[in-house]
């Protein structure tokens, strides 16, 4: 069961004034990036004491490894950490203020699609001087996406409430997420995995979207989703035959060409296989019984926490409480077109 998502609290005037004072004009390069040099120390913001206390209660240390999952349709970002059992547990869920495009993978520079897939983030991808306060680069395109000719750059998780292919979670939330992943990397984790999905890979969601042209691609992603759901360990992934493949190749033979033939893989874990088979059977039964809802969104999405503020207070207010530099809310009318699916 998901933990309660905390509502965004307006930043104090002192915090906003200090941050505005330290943001340096003229550093903007491209996309969501300004500089890779931490010129004002904002990348050293500590993890909040409340979050550290929660980690201790859950048997976690600030330096323990992390994993991030992103769900477009639900507009949520999860941070998982390895606990004292050696498995990963859900530390916290953060509401996403804005993402752009449609459900489906990003393929081309300028298509304003937010990526879907599996990505690896090391310390070099952390940006303490993003024009959107703090950010980390997902590493899109990954090796598979490059082999397929996909293009794009600077696809980030960042602050504010504006997106042109990125995942915006507000300055307050990105400060906490940034600090958590930074401390894990400084604690010895070489890189952390980011799993970006169109939606939670449930039988109900799969049935609702089974006629989407990206369905086969999403089923590839689901294989990794299922492994993590059952084993609570980052799935080992390979690229071959233009697809994601998860698990251990026989005799450790790693495919070299992402578009080349896949080697033989070790048998799938029985519990994972049972979950995958059960989900497919349930999805197929729902196809005959459940009427598929129509999509109501026009461009990306916004978590209900933020959408309520937008509807009640307007885009200027939402900008003020999510961005220390008052970055405008991107396409507010489109954001208000949610809920994501219509009856």
Protein backbone atom coordinates (compact mmCIF):
# COMPACT_ATOMS: atom_id res chain seq x y z
CA UNK A 1 0.00 0.00 0.00
CA UNK A 2 1.32 3.42 -0.92
CA UNK A 3 2.28 5.79 1.88
CA UNK A 4 0.33 9.01 2.20
CA UNK A 5 1.54 11.61 -0.24
CA UNK A 6 2.37 14.78 1.61
CA UNK A 7 0.87 17.95 0.22
CA UNK A 8 3.15 20.66 -1.03
CA UNK A 9 3.68 23.42 1.51
CA UNK A 10 4.31 26.96 0.24
CA UNK A 11 7.95 27.90 0.69
CA UNK A 12 8.66 30.56 3.26
CA UNK A 13 9.56 34.02 2.04
CA UNK A 14 13.03 33.77 3.61
CA UNK A 15 13.74 30.50 1.76
CA UNK A 16 12.46 31.91 -1.52
CA UNK A 17 14.49 35.11 -1.16
CA UNK A 18 17.67 33.19 -0.34
CA UNK A 19 17.27 30.82 -3.27
CA UNK A 20 16.48 33.60 -5.72
CA UNK A 21 19.60 35.38 -4.51
CA UNK A 22 21.86 32.41 -5.16
CA UNK A 23 20.51 31.43 -8.57
CA UNK A 24 22.89 32.90 -11.14
CA UNK A 25 21.54 34.41 -14.31
CA UNK A 26 23.11 33.62 -17.65
CA UNK A 27 24.10 30.03 -16.93
CA UNK A 28 21.35 28.40 -19.02
CA UNK A 29 22.71 26.01 -21.62
CA UNK A 30 20.05 23.67 -22.97
CA UNK A 31 17.06 21.74 -21.75
CA UNK A 32 16.85 21.64 -17.96
CA UNK A 33 20.56 22.29 -17.41
CA UNK A 34 22.54 25.29 -16.28
CA UNK A 35 25.92 24.16 -14.96
CA UNK A 36 27.62 21.08 -13.57
CA UNK A 37 29.57 23.17 -11.05
CA UNK A 38 27.94 23.69 -7.67
CA UNK A 39 28.64 27.42 -7.47
CA UNK A 40 26.37 28.23 -4.53
CA UNK A 41 26.27 25.06 -2.45
CA UNK A 42 22.61 24.25 -2.98
CA UNK A 43 23.64 20.72 -3.97
CA UNK A 44 24.80 20.22 -0.38
CA UNK A 45 21.33 20.71 1.15
CA UNK A 46 20.97 17.96 3.81
CA UNK A 47 18.26 15.34 3.93
CA UNK A 48 15.43 16.68 6.15
CA UNK A 49 15.54 15.39 9.73
CA UNK A 50 12.00 14.02 9.40
CA UNK A 51 13.06 11.90 6.44
CA UNK A 52 16.21 10.70 8.24
CA UNK A 53 14.04 9.66 11.19
CA UNK A 54 11.76 7.74 8.84
CA UNK A 55 14.79 5.97 7.35
CA UNK A 56 15.96 4.89 10.80
CA UNK A 57 12.51 3.55 11.62
CA UNK A 58 12.61 1.51 8.40
CA UNK A 59 16.09 0.11 9.06
CA UNK A 60 17.79 2.32 6.47
CA UNK A 61 20.87 4.54 6.53
CA UNK A 62 21.24 7.67 4.45
CA UNK A 63 24.12 6.04 2.58
CA UNK A 64 22.22 2.87 1.67
CA UNK A 65 21.56 2.32 -2.06
CA UNK A 66 18.49 3.80 -3.73
CA UNK A 67 16.21 3.09 -6.70
CA UNK A 68 13.66 5.44 -8.30
CA UNK A 69 10.39 4.54 -10.03
CA UNK A 70 8.28 7.00 -12.04
CA UNK A 71 4.67 6.54 -13.11
CA UNK A 72 3.26 8.94 -15.69
CA UNK A 73 -0.46 8.25 -15.48
CA UNK A 74 -0.47 8.46 -11.69
CA UNK A 75 1.98 11.40 -11.74
CA UNK A 76 4.03 9.89 -8.92
CA UNK A 77 7.73 9.35 -8.23
CA UNK A 78 8.85 6.71 -5.73
CA UNK A 79 12.17 6.54 -3.88
CA UNK A 80 13.14 3.07 -2.67
CA UNK A 81 16.11 2.29 -0.41
CA UNK A 82 17.83 -0.91 0.59
CA UNK A 83 17.07 -1.70 4.23
CA UNK A 84 18.73 -3.87 6.87
CA UNK A 85 17.27 -7.04 5.28
CA UNK A 86 19.22 -6.41 2.09
CA UNK A 87 16.05 -5.82 0.08
CA UNK A 88 14.62 -2.55 -1.20
CA UNK A 89 11.64 -0.97 0.54
CA UNK A 90 9.52 2.01 -0.47
CA UNK A 91 10.82 4.99 1.47
CA UNK A 92 8.53 7.70 0.11
CA UNK A 93 6.21 8.62 -2.77
CA UNK A 94 6.35 12.14 -4.19
CA UNK A 95 3.58 13.75 -6.26
CA UNK A 96 4.69 14.91 -9.69
CA UNK A 97 3.68 18.44 -10.62
CA UNK A 98 4.13 18.17 -14.40
CA UNK A 99 5.19 15.85 -17.17
CA UNK A 100 4.59 16.34 -20.88
CA UNK A 101 3.55 14.44 -23.97
CA UNK A 102 1.57 11.22 -24.15
CA UNK A 103 1.91 7.74 -22.75
CA UNK A 104 4.67 6.04 -24.69
CA UNK A 105 8.45 6.28 -25.11
CA UNK A 106 10.40 9.33 -26.19
CA UNK A 107 11.86 8.88 -29.67
CA UNK A 108 12.96 12.23 -31.07
CA UNK A 109 14.51 15.48 -29.94
CA UNK A 110 11.75 18.07 -29.66
CA UNK A 111 8.79 15.67 -29.44
CA UNK A 112 8.22 16.81 -25.83
CA UNK A 113 7.75 13.21 -24.78
CA UNK A 114 8.90 12.21 -21.30
CA UNK A 115 11.00 9.01 -21.46
CA UNK A 116 9.88 5.51 -20.58
CA UNK A 117 12.39 2.77 -19.88
CA UNK A 118 15.24 1.82 -17.57
CA UNK A 119 18.04 4.27 -16.90
CA UNK A 120 21.21 4.45 -14.83
CA UNK A 121 22.17 7.62 -12.95
CA UNK A 122 25.66 8.17 -11.53
CA UNK A 123 27.05 11.17 -9.65
CA UNK A 124 28.06 12.84 -12.91
CA UNK A 125 24.38 13.12 -13.86
CA UNK A 126 23.50 15.18 -10.77
CA UNK A 127 23.12 18.87 -11.60
CA UNK A 128 23.27 21.18 -8.55
CA UNK A 129 22.75 24.27 -10.72
CA UNK A 130 19.77 23.41 -12.87
CA UNK A 131 17.65 26.34 -13.98
CA UNK A 132 14.88 24.37 -12.23
CA UNK A 133 16.72 24.51 -8.89
CA UNK A 134 18.15 20.95 -8.67
CA UNK A 135 17.98 18.04 -11.08
CA UNK A 136 19.44 14.75 -12.21
CA UNK A 137 19.71 13.54 -15.79
CA UNK A 138 18.09 10.19 -16.55
CA UNK A 139 20.70 9.33 -19.16
CA UNK A 140 18.27 9.24 -22.08
CA UNK A 141 18.88 7.88 -24.64
CA UNK A 142 20.21 4.68 -23.10
CA UNK A 143 22.20 2.18 -25.17
CA UNK A 144 19.10 0.48 -26.56
CA UNK A 145 17.47 3.78 -27.48
CA UNK A 146 20.62 5.00 -29.21
CA UNK A 147 20.80 1.79 -31.24
CA UNK A 148 17.19 2.36 -32.35
CA UNK A 149 18.04 5.90 -33.48
CA UNK A 150 16.16 7.73 -30.72
CA UNK A 151 17.39 11.25 -30.03
CA UNK A 152 17.11 13.77 -27.22
CA UNK A 153 19.12 15.24 -24.37
CA UNK A 154 18.86 16.74 -20.89
CA UNK A 155 15.83 14.67 -19.86
CA UNK A 156 15.62 15.36 -16.16
CA UNK A 157 13.87 14.96 -12.85
CA UNK A 158 13.84 18.56 -11.60
CA UNK A 159 12.00 21.19 -9.59
CA UNK A 160 9.30 23.73 -10.51
CA UNK A 161 6.11 22.73 -12.37
CA UNK A 162 7.17 22.99 -16.00
CA UNK A 163 7.96 20.21 -18.45
CA UNK A 164 9.04 19.80 -22.03
CA UNK A 165 10.00 16.15 -21.76
CA UNK A 166 11.15 16.21 -18.12
CA UNK A 167 9.57 15.18 -14.82
CA UNK A 168 8.93 18.24 -12.61
CA UNK A 169 8.24 17.56 -8.92
CA UNK A 170 8.58 21.08 -7.37
CA UNK A 171 11.62 22.67 -5.72
CA UNK A 172 10.77 21.43 -2.23
CA UNK A 173 10.44 17.82 -3.31
CA UNK A 174 13.40 17.76 -5.68
CA UNK A 175 15.60 19.15 -2.90
CA UNK A 176 14.74 16.12 -0.76
CA UNK A 177 15.01 13.56 -3.57
CA UNK A 178 18.30 15.08 -4.72
CA UNK A 179 19.76 14.89 -1.20
CA UNK A 180 18.66 11.26 -0.77
CA UNK A 181 20.18 10.03 -4.05
CA UNK A 182 23.31 12.18 -3.59
CA UNK A 183 24.03 10.66 -0.16
CA UNK A 184 23.54 7.15 -1.54
CA UNK A 185 26.03 7.84 -4.33
CA UNK A 186 28.49 9.42 -1.91
CA UNK A 187 28.03 6.39 0.36
CA UNK A 188 29.41 4.01 -2.25
CA UNK A 189 26.60 3.21 -4.68
CA UNK A 190 28.16 3.60 -8.13
CA UNK A 191 24.86 4.41 -9.85
CA UNK A 192 21.16 4.00 -9.16
CA UNK A 193 18.46 2.63 -11.42
CA UNK A 194 15.51 4.73 -12.58
CA UNK A 195 12.47 2.84 -13.88
CA UNK A 196 10.07 5.05 -15.83
CA UNK A 197 6.66 3.57 -16.64
CA UNK A 198 3.51 4.79 -18.43
CA UNK A 199 1.44 3.63 -15.43
CA UNK A 200 1.51 1.09 -12.63
CA UNK A 201 1.74 -2.22 -14.47
CA UNK A 202 -1.43 -3.75 -13.06
CA UNK A 203 -3.79 -6.06 -14.97
CA UNK A 204 -6.43 -3.30 -14.83
CA UNK A 205 -4.17 -0.69 -16.42
CA UNK A 206 -2.87 -3.11 -19.02
CA UNK A 207 -6.41 -4.08 -19.98
CA UNK A 208 -7.39 -0.42 -20.27
CA UNK A 209 -4.49 0.26 -22.66
CA UNK A 210 -4.13 -3.06 -24.48
CA UNK A 211 -4.99 -1.52 -27.85
CA UNK A 212 -2.23 1.10 -27.57
CA UNK A 213 0.49 0.69 -30.24
CA UNK A 214 3.10 0.73 -27.44
CA UNK A 215 1.58 -2.28 -25.68
CA UNK A 216 4.31 -4.79 -26.65
CA UNK A 217 6.97 -2.34 -25.48
CA UNK A 218 5.12 -1.90 -22.18
CA UNK A 219 4.99 -5.67 -21.71
CA UNK A 220 8.79 -5.72 -22.01
CA UNK A 221 8.97 -3.09 -19.27
CA UNK A 222 6.54 -5.12 -17.17
CA UNK A 223 9.01 -8.00 -17.07
CA UNK A 224 11.43 -5.77 -15.15
CA UNK A 225 8.58 -4.33 -13.08
CA UNK A 226 7.53 -7.84 -12.01
CA UNK A 227 11.06 -8.84 -11.04
CA UNK A 228 11.39 -5.83 -8.76
CA UNK A 229 7.90 -6.24 -7.31
CA UNK A 230 8.65 -9.83 -6.28
CA UNK A 231 12.39 -9.88 -5.52
CA UNK A 232 12.82 -6.30 -4.26
CA UNK A 233 16.18 -6.05 -6.02
CA UNK A 234 17.07 -3.91 -9.05
CA UNK A 235 16.55 -6.20 -12.03
CA UNK A 236 19.59 -6.95 -14.13
CA UNK A 237 18.80 -5.83 -17.65
CA UNK A 238 20.20 -6.57 -21.07
CA UNK A 239 19.52 -5.08 -24.50
CA UNK A 240 19.06 -7.43 -27.44
CA UNK A 241 16.76 -7.87 -30.45
CA UNK A 242 15.73 -4.24 -29.97
CA UNK A 243 14.12 -5.02 -26.60
CA UNK A 244 14.70 -4.99 -22.88
CA UNK A 245 15.55 -8.43 -21.49
CA UNK A 246 15.79 -9.08 -17.76
CA UNK A 247 17.64 -11.77 -15.90
CA UNK A 248 20.90 -13.67 -16.13
CA UNK A 249 22.27 -14.86 -19.48
CA UNK A 250 23.45 -18.49 -19.54
CA UNK A 251 27.19 -18.74 -18.81
CA UNK A 252 27.32 -14.97 -18.34
CA UNK A 253 27.23 -14.27 -22.08
CA UNK A 254 26.25 -10.61 -22.32
CA UNK A 255 24.75 -9.41 -25.63
CA UNK A 256 26.93 -6.78 -27.29
CA UNK A 257 24.60 -5.50 -30.01
CA UNK A 258 21.28 -4.10 -28.68
CA UNK A 259 19.71 -5.03 -32.01
CA UNK A 260 21.41 -8.42 -32.27
CA UNK A 261 20.19 -11.86 -31.28
CA UNK A 262 19.53 -12.55 -27.61
CA UNK A 263 21.57 -15.27 -25.90
CA UNK A 264 19.92 -17.95 -23.81
CA UNK A 265 18.77 -16.76 -20.39
CA UNK A 266 18.59 -18.63 -17.11
CA UNK A 267 15.06 -19.74 -16.16
CA UNK A 268 12.96 -17.00 -14.61
CA UNK A 269 12.42 -17.04 -10.85
CA UNK A 270 9.33 -19.14 -10.15
CA UNK A 271 7.59 -16.48 -8.05
CA UNK A 272 8.20 -13.86 -10.73
CA UNK A 273 6.91 -16.19 -13.43
CA UNK A 274 3.78 -16.93 -11.40
CA UNK A 275 3.07 -13.24 -10.91
CA UNK A 276 3.56 -12.46 -14.60
CA UNK A 277 1.36 -15.34 -15.72
CA UNK A 278 -1.34 -14.47 -13.18
CA UNK A 279 -1.38 -10.82 -14.25
CA UNK A 280 -1.73 -11.74 -17.91
CA UNK A 281 -4.60 -14.11 -17.18
CA UNK A 282 -6.39 -11.46 -15.13
CA UNK A 283 -5.80 -8.84 -17.84
CA UNK A 284 -7.29 -11.14 -20.47
CA UNK A 285 -10.36 -11.75 -18.33
CA UNK A 286 -10.84 -8.01 -17.91
CA UNK A 287 -10.80 -7.42 -21.66
CA UNK A 288 -14.20 -9.10 -21.92
CA UNK A 289 -15.72 -7.58 -18.80
CA UNK A 290 -14.38 -4.06 -18.47
CA UNK A 291 -15.16 -1.23 -20.82
CA UNK A 292 -11.98 0.60 -21.63
CA UNK A 293 -12.04 4.26 -20.58
CA UNK A 294 -11.13 6.95 -23.05
CA UNK A 295 -8.15 9.20 -22.51
CA UNK A 296 -9.16 12.68 -21.38
CA UNK A 297 -5.77 14.38 -21.08
CA UNK A 298 -4.42 16.61 -23.81
CA UNK A 299 -0.77 16.98 -22.81
CA UNK A 300 0.97 15.11 -20.04
CA UNK A 301 -0.33 15.08 -16.52
CA UNK A 302 -0.30 16.56 -13.01
CA UNK A 303 -0.86 14.90 -9.64
CA UNK A 304 -4.25 15.74 -8.05
CA UNK A 305 -2.43 17.44 -5.15
CA UNK A 306 -1.17 20.09 -7.55
CA UNK A 307 -4.18 20.09 -9.86
CA UNK A 308 -6.45 21.09 -6.98
CA UNK A 309 -4.18 24.05 -6.22
CA UNK A 310 -4.14 25.00 -9.89
CA UNK A 311 -7.92 24.88 -10.16
CA UNK A 312 -8.51 26.74 -6.90
CA UNK A 313 -5.68 29.29 -6.83
CA UNK A 314 -4.52 29.58 -10.45
CA UNK A 315 -1.18 29.10 -12.23
CA UNK A 316 0.55 32.10 -10.60
CA UNK A 317 -0.02 30.72 -7.11
CA UNK A 318 1.03 27.20 -8.14
CA UNK A 319 4.18 28.65 -9.64
CA UNK A 320 4.96 30.46 -6.40
CA UNK A 321 4.64 27.38 -4.21
CA UNK A 322 6.57 25.04 -6.51
CA UNK A 323 9.38 27.23 -7.87
CA UNK A 324 11.79 29.43 -6.00
CA UNK A 325 12.41 31.37 -9.21
CA UNK A 326 8.73 31.49 -10.17
CA UNK A 327 9.10 29.30 -13.25
CA UNK A 328 5.66 29.45 -14.94
CA UNK A 329 3.44 26.39 -14.83
CA UNK A 330 3.64 24.86 -18.28
CA UNK A 331 0.37 24.68 -20.23
CA UNK A 332 -1.99 25.06 -17.23
CA UNK A 333 -5.14 24.60 -19.34
CA UNK A 334 -3.85 21.22 -20.53
CA UNK A 335 -3.05 20.22 -16.94
CA UNK A 336 -6.64 20.97 -15.94
CA UNK A 337 -7.88 18.60 -18.66
CA UNK A 338 -7.24 15.73 -16.25
CA UNK A 339 -8.51 13.33 -14.85
CA UNK A 340 -6.32 11.21 -17.03
CA UNK A 341 -9.06 8.83 -18.13
CA UNK A 342 -12.70 9.57 -18.73
CA UNK A 343 -15.59 7.28 -17.89
